[in-house]
Amino acid sequence: SGGGLVEPGGSLRLSCVASEFSSEPHAIGWFRQAPGKEREA
């Protein structure tokens, strides 16, 4: 969550909520995908 429209130079904070972490939390990666492009880490 947290996406939206922002002007160049602006800021946003995204959140990723996991349903449940085990006793040891998982590593989390963030990726993005622009139209017509491959998903980028």
PDB file of all heavy atoms in Angstrom:
ATOM      1  N   SER A   1       0.854  -1.187   0.000  1.00  0.00           N
ATOM      2  CA  SER A   1       0.000   0.000   0.000  1.00  0.00           C
ATOM      3  C   SER A   1       0.891   1.238   0.000  1.00  0.00           C
ATOM      4  O   SER A   1       2.099   1.141   0.231  1.00  0.00           O
ATOM      5  CB  SER A   1      -0.937   0.011   1.204  1.00  0.00           C
ATOM      6  OG  SER A   1      -0.196   0.067   2.410  1.00  0.00           O
ATOM      7  N   GLY A   2       0.271   2.392  -0.260  1.00  0.00           N
ATOM      8  CA  GLY A   2       0.987   3.651  -0.173  1.00  0.00           C
ATOM      9  C   GLY A   2       1.340   4.287  -1.495  1.00  0.00           C
ATOM     10  O   GLY A   2       1.902   5.389  -1.527  1.00  0.00           O
ATOM     11  N   GLY A   3       1.026   3.617  -2.589  1.00  0.00           N
ATOM     12  CA  GLY A   3       1.325   4.193  -3.885  1.00  0.00           C
ATOM     13  C   GLY A   3       0.438   5.395  -4.192  1.00  0.00           C
ATOM     14  O   GLY A   3      -0.519   5.692  -3.469  1.00  0.00           O
ATOM     15  N   GLY A   4       0.776   6.071  -5.275  1.00  0.00           N
ATOM     16  CA  GLY A   4      -0.015   7.229  -5.676  1.00  0.00           C
ATOM     17  C   GLY A   4       0.694   8.055  -6.720  1.00  0.00           C
ATOM     18  O   GLY A   4       1.713   7.631  -7.283  1.00  0.00           O
ATOM     19  N   LEU A   5       0.153   9.246  -6.936  1.00  0.00           N
ATOM     20  CA  LEU A   5       0.719  10.193  -7.891  1.00  0.00           C
ATOM     21  C   LEU A   5       1.514  11.253  -7.130  1.00  0.00           C
ATOM     22  O   LEU A   5       1.004  11.836  -6.163  1.00  0.00           O
ATOM     23  CB  LEU A   5      -0.403  10.854  -8.691  1.00  0.00           C
ATOM     24  CG  LEU A   5      -0.006  11.999  -9.628  1.00  0.00           C
ATOM     25  CD1 LEU A   5       0.915  11.499 -10.731  1.00  0.00           C
ATOM     26  CD2 LEU A   5      -1.256  12.645 -10.211  1.00  0.00           C
ATOM     27  N   VAL A   6       2.728  11.492  -7.557  1.00  0.00           N
ATOM     28  CA  VAL A   6       3.580  12.470  -6.883  1.00  0.00           C
ATOM     29  C   VAL A   6       4.382  13.225  -7.937  1.00  0.00           C
ATOM     30  O   VAL A   6       4.700  12.679  -8.999  1.00  0.00           O
ATOM     31  CB  VAL A   6       4.503  11.767  -5.867  1.00  0.00           C
ATOM     32  CG1 VAL A   6       5.455  10.801  -6.549  1.00  0.00           C
ATOM     33  CG2 VAL A   6       5.260  12.769  -5.016  1.00  0.00           C
ATOM     34  N   GLU A   7       4.697  14.471  -7.638  1.00  0.00           N
ATOM     35  CA  GLU A   7       5.496  15.270  -8.565  1.00  0.00           C
ATOM     36  C   GLU A   7       6.981  14.909  -8.444  1.00  0.00           C
ATOM     37  O   GLU A   7       7.426  14.431  -7.392  1.00  0.00           O
ATOM     38  CB  GLU A   7       5.301  16.747  -8.284  1.00  0.00           C
ATOM     39  CG  GLU A   7       3.898  17.242  -8.578  1.00  0.00           C
ATOM     40  CD  GLU A   7       3.757  18.747  -8.409  1.00  0.00           C
ATOM     41  OE1 GLU A   7       4.672  19.365  -7.840  1.00  0.00           O
ATOM     42  OE2 GLU A   7       2.728  19.293  -8.838  1.00  0.00           O
ATOM     43  N   PRO A   8       7.739  15.142  -9.499  1.00  0.00           N
ATOM     44  CA  PRO A   8       9.191  14.908  -9.414  1.00  0.00           C
ATOM     45  C   PRO A   8       9.795  15.656  -8.228  1.00  0.00           C
ATOM     46  O   PRO A   8       9.440  16.812  -7.960  1.00  0.00           O
ATOM     47  CB  PRO A   8       9.702  15.455 -10.746  1.00  0.00           C
ATOM     48  CG  PRO A   8       8.544  15.287 -11.681  1.00  0.00           C
ATOM     49  CD  PRO A   8       7.321  15.566 -10.848  1.00  0.00           C
ATOM     50  N   GLY A   9      10.680  14.982  -7.533  1.00  0.00           N
ATOM     51  CA  GLY A   9      11.283  15.543  -6.328  1.00  0.00           C
ATOM     52  C   GLY A   9      10.517  15.244  -5.064  1.00  0.00           C
ATOM     53  O   GLY A   9      11.008  15.492  -3.956  1.00  0.00           O
ATOM     54  N   GLY A  10       9.330  14.703  -5.204  1.00  0.00           N
ATOM     55  CA  GLY A  10       8.496  14.392  -4.051  1.00  0.00           C
ATOM     56  C   GLY A  10       8.866  13.073  -3.391  1.00  0.00           C
ATOM     57  O   GLY A  10       9.824  12.395  -3.789  1.00  0.00           O
ATOM     58  N   SER A  11       8.076  12.714  -2.381  1.00  0.00           N
ATOM     59  CA  SER A  11       8.342  11.503  -1.596  1.00  0.00           C
ATOM     60  C   SER A  11       7.079  10.676  -1.435  1.00  0.00           C
ATOM     61  O   SER A  11       5.960  11.208  -1.461  1.00  0.00           O
ATOM     62  CB  SER A  11       8.866  11.880  -0.206  1.00  0.00           C
ATOM     63  OG  SER A  11      10.087  12.573  -0.281  1.00  0.00           O
ATOM     64  N   LEU A  12       7.278   9.397  -1.244  1.00  0.00           N
ATOM     65  CA  LEU A  12       6.200   8.472  -0.904  1.00  0.00           C
ATOM     66  C   LEU A  12       6.771   7.426   0.037  1.00  0.00           C
ATOM     67  O   LEU A  12       7.966   7.115  -0.019  1.00  0.00           O
ATOM     68  CB  LEU A  12       5.643   7.758  -2.143  1.00  0.00           C
ATOM     69  CG  LEU A  12       4.663   8.484  -3.051  1.00  0.00           C
ATOM     70  CD1 LEU A  12       4.349   7.609  -4.261  1.00  0.00           C
ATOM     71  CD2 LEU A  12       3.386   8.841  -2.310  1.00  0.00           C
ATOM     72  N   ARG A  13       5.901   6.860   0.866  1.00  0.00           N
ATOM     73  CA  ARG A  13       6.292   5.720   1.686  1.00  0.00           C
ATOM     74  C   ARG A  13       5.357   4.564   1.398  1.00  0.00           C
ATOM     75  O   ARG A  13       4.140   4.686   1.601  1.00  0.00           O
ATOM     76  CB  ARG A  13       6.279   6.042   3.176  1.00  0.00           C
ATOM     77  CG  ARG A  13       6.909   4.915   4.012  1.00  0.00           C
ATOM     78  CD  ARG A  13       6.981   5.215   5.487  1.00  0.00           C
ATOM     79  NE  ARG A  13       5.715   4.995   6.161  1.00  0.00           N
ATOM     80  CZ  ARG A  13       5.596   4.780   7.459  1.00  0.00           C
ATOM     81  NH1 ARG A  13       6.679   4.747   8.234  1.00  0.00           N
ATOM     82  NH2 ARG A  13       4.393   4.615   8.004  1.00  0.00           N
ATOM     83  N   LEU A  14       5.931   3.482   0.932  1.00  0.00           N
ATOM     84  CA  LEU A  14       5.163   2.270   0.683  1.00  0.00           C
ATOM     85  C   LEU A  14       5.273   1.333   1.883  1.00  0.00           C
ATOM     86  O   LEU A  14       6.278   1.334   2.586  1.00  0.00           O
ATOM     87  CB  LEU A  14       5.677   1.550  -0.567  1.00  0.00           C
ATOM     88  CG  LEU A  14       5.770   2.359  -1.854  1.00  0.00           C
ATOM     89  CD1 LEU A  14       6.189   1.456  -3.002  1.00  0.00           C
ATOM     90  CD2 LEU A  14       4.470   3.073  -2.163  1.00  0.00           C
ATOM     91  N   SER A  15       4.241   0.535   2.062  1.00  0.00           N
ATOM     92  CA  SER A  15       4.243  -0.474   3.118  1.00  0.00           C
ATOM     93  C   SER A  15       3.985  -1.843   2.514  1.00  0.00           C
ATOM     94  O   SER A  15       3.245  -1.972   1.538  1.00  0.00           O
ATOM     95  CB  SER A  15       3.169  -0.170   4.165  1.00  0.00           C
ATOM     96  OG  SER A  15       3.410   1.058   4.805  1.00  0.00           O
ATOM     97  N   CYS A  16       4.565  -2.831   3.117  1.00  0.00           N
ATOM     98  CA  CYS A  16       4.323  -4.231   2.744  1.00  0.00           C
ATOM     99  C   CYS A  16       3.996  -4.976   4.023  1.00  0.00           C
ATOM    100  O   CYS A  16       4.863  -5.106   4.900  1.00  0.00           O
ATOM    101  CB  CYS A  16       5.556  -4.819   2.073  1.00  0.00           C
ATOM    102  SG  CYS A  16       5.475  -6.606   1.771  1.00  0.00           S
ATOM    103  N   VAL A  17       2.755  -5.409   4.132  1.00  0.00           N
ATOM    104  CA  VAL A  17       2.313  -6.115   5.329  1.00  0.00           C
ATOM    105  C   VAL A  17       2.230  -7.603   5.018  1.00  0.00           C
ATOM    106  O   VAL A  17       1.600  -8.016   4.044  1.00  0.00           O
ATOM    107  CB  VAL A  17       0.950  -5.598   5.808  1.00  0.00           C
ATOM    108  CG1 VAL A  17       0.504  -6.375   7.049  1.00  0.00           C
ATOM    109  CG2 VAL A  17       1.021  -4.112   6.118  1.00  0.00           C
ATOM    110  N   ALA A  18       2.879  -8.390   5.844  1.00  0.00           N
ATOM    111  CA  ALA A  18       2.849  -9.848   5.696  1.00  0.00           C
ATOM    112  C   ALA A  18       1.765 -10.433   6.590  1.00  0.00           C
ATOM    113  O   ALA A  18       1.553  -9.964   7.711  1.00  0.00           O
ATOM    114  CB  ALA A  18       4.201 -10.433   6.067  1.00  0.00           C
ATOM    115  N   SER A  19       1.104 -11.459   6.058  1.00  0.00           N
ATOM    116  CA  SER A  19       0.038 -12.080   6.842  1.00  0.00           C
ATOM    117  C   SER A  19       0.572 -12.689   8.123  1.00  0.00           C
ATOM    118  O   SER A  19      -0.067 -12.650   9.164  1.00  0.00           O
ATOM    119  CB  SER A  19      -0.661 -13.150   6.013  1.00  0.00           C
ATOM    120  OG  SER A  19       0.276 -14.139   5.593  1.00  0.00           O
ATOM    121  N   GLU A  20       1.756 -13.226   8.021  1.00  0.00           N
ATOM    122  CA  GLU A  20       2.334 -13.861   9.194  1.00  0.00           C
ATOM    123  C   GLU A  20       3.796 -14.162   8.931  1.00  0.00           C
ATOM    124  O   GLU A  20       4.133 -14.732   7.902  1.00  0.00           O
ATOM    125  CB  GLU A  20       1.602 -15.182   9.518  1.00  0.00           C
ATOM    126  CG  GLU A  20       2.183 -15.927  10.694  1.00  0.00           C
ATOM    127  CD  GLU A  20       1.494 -17.250  10.944  1.00  0.00           C
ATOM    128  OE1 GLU A  20       0.494 -17.531  10.267  1.00  0.00           O
ATOM    129  OE2 GLU A  20       1.960 -18.019  11.791  1.00  0.00           O
ATOM    130  N   PHE A  21       4.620 -13.771   9.826  1.00  0.00           N
ATOM    131  CA  PHE A  21       6.004 -14.218   9.784  1.00  0.00           C
ATOM    132  C   PHE A  21       6.136 -15.392  10.760  1.00  0.00           C
ATOM    133  O   PHE A  21       5.472 -15.432  11.771  1.00  0.00           O
ATOM    134  CB  PHE A  21       6.965 -13.106  10.196  1.00  0.00           C
ATOM    135  CG  PHE A  21       7.187 -12.057   9.135  1.00  0.00           C
ATOM    136  CD1 PHE A  21       7.190 -10.723   9.449  1.00  0.00           C
ATOM    137  CD2 PHE A  21       7.402 -12.416   7.821  1.00  0.00           C
ATOM    138  CE1 PHE A  21       7.409  -9.754   8.483  1.00  0.00           C
ATOM    139  CE2 PHE A  21       7.618 -11.461   6.840  1.00  0.00           C
ATOM    140  CZ  PHE A  21       7.618 -10.129   7.182  1.00  0.00           C
ATOM    141  N   SER A  22       6.978 -16.313  10.424  1.00  0.00           N
ATOM    142  CA  SER A  22       7.250 -17.413  11.337  1.00  0.00           C
ATOM    143  C   SER A  22       8.061 -16.867  12.507  1.00  0.00           C
ATOM    144  O   SER A  22       8.262 -15.666  12.635  1.00  0.00           O
ATOM    145  CB  SER A  22       8.020 -18.516  10.618  1.00  0.00           C
ATOM    146  OG  SER A  22       9.279 -18.028  10.222  1.00  0.00           O
ATOM    147  N   SER A  23       8.532 -17.719  13.332  1.00  0.00           N
ATOM    148  CA  SER A  23       9.335 -17.268  14.464  1.00  0.00           C
ATOM    149  C   SER A  23      10.561 -16.499  13.987  1.00  0.00           C
ATOM    150  O   SER A  23      11.101 -15.667  14.709  1.00  0.00           O
ATOM    151  CB  SER A  23       9.755 -18.463  15.313  1.00  0.00           C
ATOM    152  OG  SER A  23      10.484 -19.388  14.525  1.00  0.00           O
ATOM    153  N   GLU A  24      10.963 -16.753  12.744  1.00  0.00           N
ATOM    154  CA  GLU A  24      12.063 -16.008  12.139  1.00  0.00           C
ATOM    155  C   GLU A  24      11.514 -15.300  10.901  1.00  0.00           C
ATOM    156  O   GLU A  24      11.101 -15.940   9.944  1.00  0.00           O
ATOM    157  CB  GLU A  24      13.199 -16.946  11.742  1.00  0.00           C
ATOM    158  CG  GLU A  24      14.438 -16.229  11.248  1.00  0.00           C
ATOM    159  CD  GLU A  24      15.580 -17.190  11.000  1.00  0.00           C
ATOM    160  OE1 GLU A  24      15.468 -18.363  11.407  1.00  0.00           O
ATOM    161  OE2 GLU A  24      16.573 -16.782  10.383  1.00  0.00           O
ATOM    162  N   PRO A  25      11.494 -13.978  10.892  1.00  0.00           N
ATOM    163  CA  PRO A  25      10.893 -13.257   9.764  1.00  0.00           C
ATOM    164  C   PRO A  25      11.613 -13.507   8.449  1.00  0.00           C
ATOM    165  O   PRO A  25      12.821 -13.737   8.406  1.00  0.00           O
ATOM    166  CB  PRO A  25      11.029 -11.796  10.196  1.00  0.00           C
ATOM    167  CG  PRO A  25      11.147 -11.840  11.675  1.00  0.00           C
ATOM    168  CD  PRO A  25      11.920 -13.086  11.973  1.00  0.00           C
ATOM    169  N   HIS A  26      10.854 -13.406   7.351  1.00  0.00           N
ATOM    170  CA  HIS A  26      11.415 -13.582   6.032  1.00  0.00           C
ATOM    171  C   HIS A  26      12.126 -12.324   5.562  1.00  0.00           C
ATOM    172  O   HIS A  26      11.720 -11.206   5.901  1.00  0.00           O
ATOM    173  CB  HIS A  26      10.303 -13.880   5.025  1.00  0.00           C
ATOM    174  CG  HIS A  26       9.676 -15.220   5.197  1.00  0.00           C
ATOM    175  ND1 HIS A  26       9.720 -16.192   4.223  1.00  0.00           N
ATOM    176  CD2 HIS A  26       8.969 -15.761   6.217  1.00  0.00           C
ATOM    177  CE1 HIS A  26       9.079 -17.260   4.637  1.00  0.00           C
ATOM    178  NE2 HIS A  26       8.606 -17.030   5.847  1.00  0.00           N
ATOM    179  N   ALA A  27      13.155 -12.502   4.743  1.00  0.00           N
ATOM    180  CA  ALA A  27      13.690 -11.377   3.989  1.00  0.00           C
ATOM    181  C   ALA A  27      12.619 -10.878   3.026  1.00  0.00           C
ATOM    182  O   ALA A  27      11.773 -11.655   2.576  1.00  0.00           O
ATOM    183  CB  ALA A  27      14.930 -11.809   3.210  1.00  0.00           C
ATOM    184  N   ILE A  28      12.655  -9.595   2.752  1.00  0.00           N
ATOM    185  CA  ILE A  28      11.681  -9.000   1.831  1.00  0.00           C
ATOM    186  C   ILE A  28      12.429  -8.227   0.754  1.00  0.00           C
ATOM    187  O   ILE A  28      13.317  -7.415   1.058  1.00  0.00           O
ATOM    188  CB  ILE A  28      10.724  -8.048   2.563  1.00  0.00           C
ATOM    189  CG1 ILE A  28       9.854  -8.809   3.563  1.00  0.00           C
ATOM    190  CG2 ILE A  28       9.857  -7.287   1.558  1.00  0.00           C
ATOM    191  CD1 ILE A  28       8.840  -9.747   2.938  1.00  0.00           C
ATOM    192  N   GLY A  29      12.058  -8.483  -0.482  1.00  0.00           N
ATOM    193  CA  GLY A  29      12.587  -7.720  -1.596  1.00  0.00           C
ATOM    194  C   GLY A  29      11.513  -6.810  -2.166  1.00  0.00           C
ATOM    195  O   GLY A  29      10.329  -7.130  -2.115  1.00  0.00           O
ATOM    196  N   TRP A  30      11.943  -5.663  -2.664  1.00  0.00           N
ATOM    197  CA  TRP A  30      11.046  -4.765  -3.384  1.00  0.00           C
ATOM    198  C   TRP A  30      11.460  -4.742  -4.857  1.00  0.00           C
ATOM    199  O   TRP A  30      12.658  -4.637  -5.171  1.00  0.00           O
ATOM    200  CB  TRP A  30      11.112  -3.344  -2.823  1.00  0.00           C
ATOM    201  CG  TRP A  30      10.322  -3.128  -1.580  1.00  0.00           C
ATOM    202  CD1 TRP A  30      10.768  -3.201  -0.299  1.00  0.00           C
ATOM    203  CD2 TRP A  30       8.931  -2.797  -1.499  1.00  0.00           C
ATOM    204  NE1 TRP A  30       9.739  -2.929   0.579  1.00  0.00           N
ATOM    205  CE2 TRP A  30       8.607  -2.673  -0.130  1.00  0.00           C
ATOM    206  CE3 TRP A  30       7.922  -2.573  -2.445  1.00  0.00           C
ATOM    207  CZ2 TRP A  30       7.317  -2.356   0.325  1.00  0.00           C
ATOM    208  CZ3 TRP A  30       6.644  -2.254  -1.991  1.00  0.00           C
ATOM    209  CH2 TRP A  30       6.347  -2.146  -0.630  1.00  0.00           C
ATOM    210  N   PHE A  31      10.452  -4.827  -5.706  1.00  0.00           N
ATOM    211  CA  PHE A  31      10.654  -4.805  -7.148  1.00  0.00           C
ATOM    212  C   PHE A  31       9.738  -3.753  -7.740  1.00  0.00           C
ATOM    213  O   PHE A  31       8.756  -3.344  -7.112  1.00  0.00           O
ATOM    214  CB  PHE A  31      10.314  -6.172  -7.758  1.00  0.00           C
ATOM    215  CG  PHE A  31      11.255  -7.279  -7.382  1.00  0.00           C
ATOM    216  CD1 PHE A  31      11.219  -7.840  -6.117  1.00  0.00           C
ATOM    217  CD2 PHE A  31      12.178  -7.754  -8.290  1.00  0.00           C
ATOM    218  CE1 PHE A  31      12.085  -8.867  -5.763  1.00  0.00           C
ATOM    219  CE2 PHE A  31      13.045  -8.779  -7.955  1.00  0.00           C
ATOM    220  CZ  PHE A  31      12.997  -9.334  -6.691  1.00  0.00           C
ATOM    221  N   ARG A  32      10.018  -3.361  -8.963  1.00  0.00           N
ATOM    222  CA  ARG A  32       9.104  -2.490  -9.681  1.00  0.00           C
ATOM    223  C   ARG A  32       9.092  -2.894 -11.149  1.00  0.00           C
ATOM    224  O   ARG A  32      10.047  -3.459 -11.663  1.00  0.00           O
ATOM    225  CB  ARG A  32       9.502  -1.021  -9.528  1.00  0.00           C
ATOM    226  CG  ARG A  32      10.832  -0.647 -10.186  1.00  0.00           C
ATOM    227  CD  ARG A  32      11.185   0.774  -9.849  1.00  0.00           C
ATOM    228  NE  ARG A  32      12.467   1.169 -10.432  1.00  0.00           N
ATOM    229  CZ  ARG A  32      13.111   2.274 -10.125  1.00  0.00           C
ATOM    230  NH1 ARG A  32      12.585   3.121  -9.226  1.00  0.00           N
ATOM    231  NH2 ARG A  32      14.259   2.561 -10.703  1.00  0.00           N
ATOM    232  N   GLN A  33       7.977  -2.558 -11.782  1.00  0.00           N
ATOM    233  CA  GLN A  33       7.821  -2.880 -13.190  1.00  0.00           C
ATOM    234  C   GLN A  33       7.158  -1.717 -13.904  1.00  0.00           C
ATOM    235  O   GLN A  33       6.028  -1.347 -13.578  1.00  0.00           O
ATOM    236  CB  GLN A  33       7.007  -4.160 -13.374  1.00  0.00           C
ATOM    237  CG  GLN A  33       6.984  -4.671 -14.795  1.00  0.00           C
ATOM    238  CD  GLN A  33       6.501  -6.111 -14.883  1.00  0.00           C
ATOM    239  OE1 GLN A  33       5.860  -6.631 -13.967  1.00  0.00           O
ATOM    240  NE2 GLN A  33       6.813  -6.773 -15.981  1.00  0.00           N
ATOM    241  N   ALA A  34       7.889  -1.169 -14.849  1.00  0.00           N
ATOM    242  CA  ALA A  34       7.358  -0.086 -15.676  1.00  0.00           C
ATOM    243  C   ALA A  34       6.677  -0.697 -16.890  1.00  0.00           C
ATOM    244  O   ALA A  34       6.989  -1.824 -17.297  1.00  0.00           O
ATOM    245  CB  ALA A  34       8.477   0.845 -16.102  1.00  0.00           C
ATOM    246  N   PRO A  35       5.743   0.021 -17.502  1.00  0.00           N
ATOM    247  CA  PRO A  35       5.054  -0.507 -18.687  1.00  0.00           C
ATOM    248  C   PRO A  35       6.038  -0.909 -19.775  1.00  0.00           C
ATOM    249  O   PRO A  35       6.936  -0.144 -20.131  1.00  0.00           O
ATOM    250  CB  PRO A  35       4.189   0.675 -19.134  1.00  0.00           C
ATOM    251  CG  PRO A  35       3.965   1.460 -17.893  1.00  0.00           C
ATOM    252  CD  PRO A  35       5.223   1.329 -17.104  1.00  0.00           C
ATOM    253  N   GLY A  36       5.864  -2.128 -20.272  1.00  0.00           N
ATOM    254  CA  GLY A  36       6.707  -2.603 -21.354  1.00  0.00           C
ATOM    255  C   GLY A  36       8.093  -3.031 -20.955  1.00  0.00           C
ATOM    256  O   GLY A  36       8.915  -3.361 -21.817  1.00  0.00           O
ATOM    257  N   LYS A  37       8.379  -3.031 -19.650  1.00  0.00           N
ATOM    258  CA  LYS A  37       9.713  -3.405 -19.177  1.00  0.00           C
ATOM    259  C   LYS A  37       9.645  -4.605 -18.245  1.00  0.00           C
ATOM    260  O   LYS A  37       8.596  -4.933 -17.710  1.00  0.00           O
ATOM    261  CB  LYS A  37      10.375  -2.226 -18.475  1.00  0.00           C
ATOM    262  CG  LYS A  37      10.666  -1.051 -19.399  1.00  0.00           C
ATOM    263  CD  LYS A  37      11.498  -0.002 -18.695  1.00  0.00           C
ATOM    264  CE  LYS A  37      11.865   1.129 -19.641  1.00  0.00           C
ATOM    265  NZ  LYS A  37      12.712   2.160 -18.960  1.00  0.00           N
ATOM    266  N   GLU A  38      10.775  -5.234 -18.050  1.00  0.00           N
ATOM    267  CA  GLU A  38      10.848  -6.364 -17.136  1.00  0.00           C
ATOM    268  C   GLU A  38      10.815  -5.880 -15.691  1.00  0.00           C
ATOM    269  O   GLU A  38      11.145  -4.740 -15.386  1.00  0.00           O
ATOM    270  CB  GLU A  38      12.133  -7.158 -17.387  1.00  0.00           C
ATOM    271  CG  GLU A  38      12.180  -7.861 -18.726  1.00  0.00           C
ATOM    272  CD  GLU A  38      13.381  -8.763 -18.860  1.00  0.00           C
ATOM    273  OE1 GLU A  38      14.233  -8.761 -17.956  1.00  0.00           O
ATOM    274  OE2 GLU A  38      13.468  -9.483 -19.863  1.00  0.00           O
ATOM    275  N   ARG A  39      10.423  -6.788 -14.822  1.00  0.00           N
ATOM    276  CA  ARG A  39      10.406  -6.473 -13.405  1.00  0.00           C
ATOM    277  C   ARG A  39      11.844  -6.284 -12.915  1.00  0.00           C
ATOM    278  O   ARG A  39      12.717  -7.105 -13.188  1.00  0.00           O
ATOM    279  CB  ARG A  39       9.716  -7.598 -12.636  1.00  0.00           C
ATOM    280  CG  ARG A  39       9.326  -7.237 -11.230  1.00  0.00           C
ATOM    281  CD  ARG A  39       8.345  -8.235 -10.665  1.00  0.00           C
ATOM    282  NE  ARG A  39       7.066  -8.215 -11.385  1.00  0.00           N
ATOM    283  CZ  ARG A  39       5.978  -8.858 -10.975  1.00  0.00           C
ATOM    284  NH1 ARG A  39       6.005  -9.559  -9.860  1.00  0.00           N
ATOM    285  NH2 ARG A  39       4.873  -8.800 -11.673  1.00  0.00           N
ATOM    286  N   GLU A  40      12.053  -5.206 -12.169  1.00  0.00           N
ATOM    287  CA  GLU A  40      13.391  -4.803 -11.740  1.00  0.00           C
ATOM    288  C   GLU A  40      13.485  -4.843 -10.224  1.00  0.00           C
ATOM    289  O   GLU A  40      12.636  -4.285  -9.524  1.00  0.00           O
ATOM    290  CB  GLU A  40      13.656  -3.370 -12.236  1.00  0.00           C
ATOM    291  CG  GLU A  40      14.907  -2.722 -11.688  1.00  0.00           C
ATOM    292  CD  GLU A  40      14.939  -1.220 -11.926  1.00  0.00           C
ATOM    293  OE1 GLU A  40      13.877  -0.621 -12.202  1.00  0.00           O
ATOM    294  OE2 GLU A  40      16.038  -0.632 -11.823  1.00  0.00           O
ATOM    295  N   ALA A  41      14.546  -5.477  -9.714  1.00  0.00           N
ATOM    296  CA  ALA A  41      14.765  -5.487  -8.269  1.00  0.00           C
ATOM    297  C   ALA A  41      15.364  -4.160  -7.839  1.00  0.00           C
ATOM    298  O   ALA A  41      16.276  -3.647  -8.491  1.00  0.00           O
ATOM    299  CB  ALA A  41      15.704  -6.621  -7.895  1.00  0.00           C
TER     300      ALA A  41
END
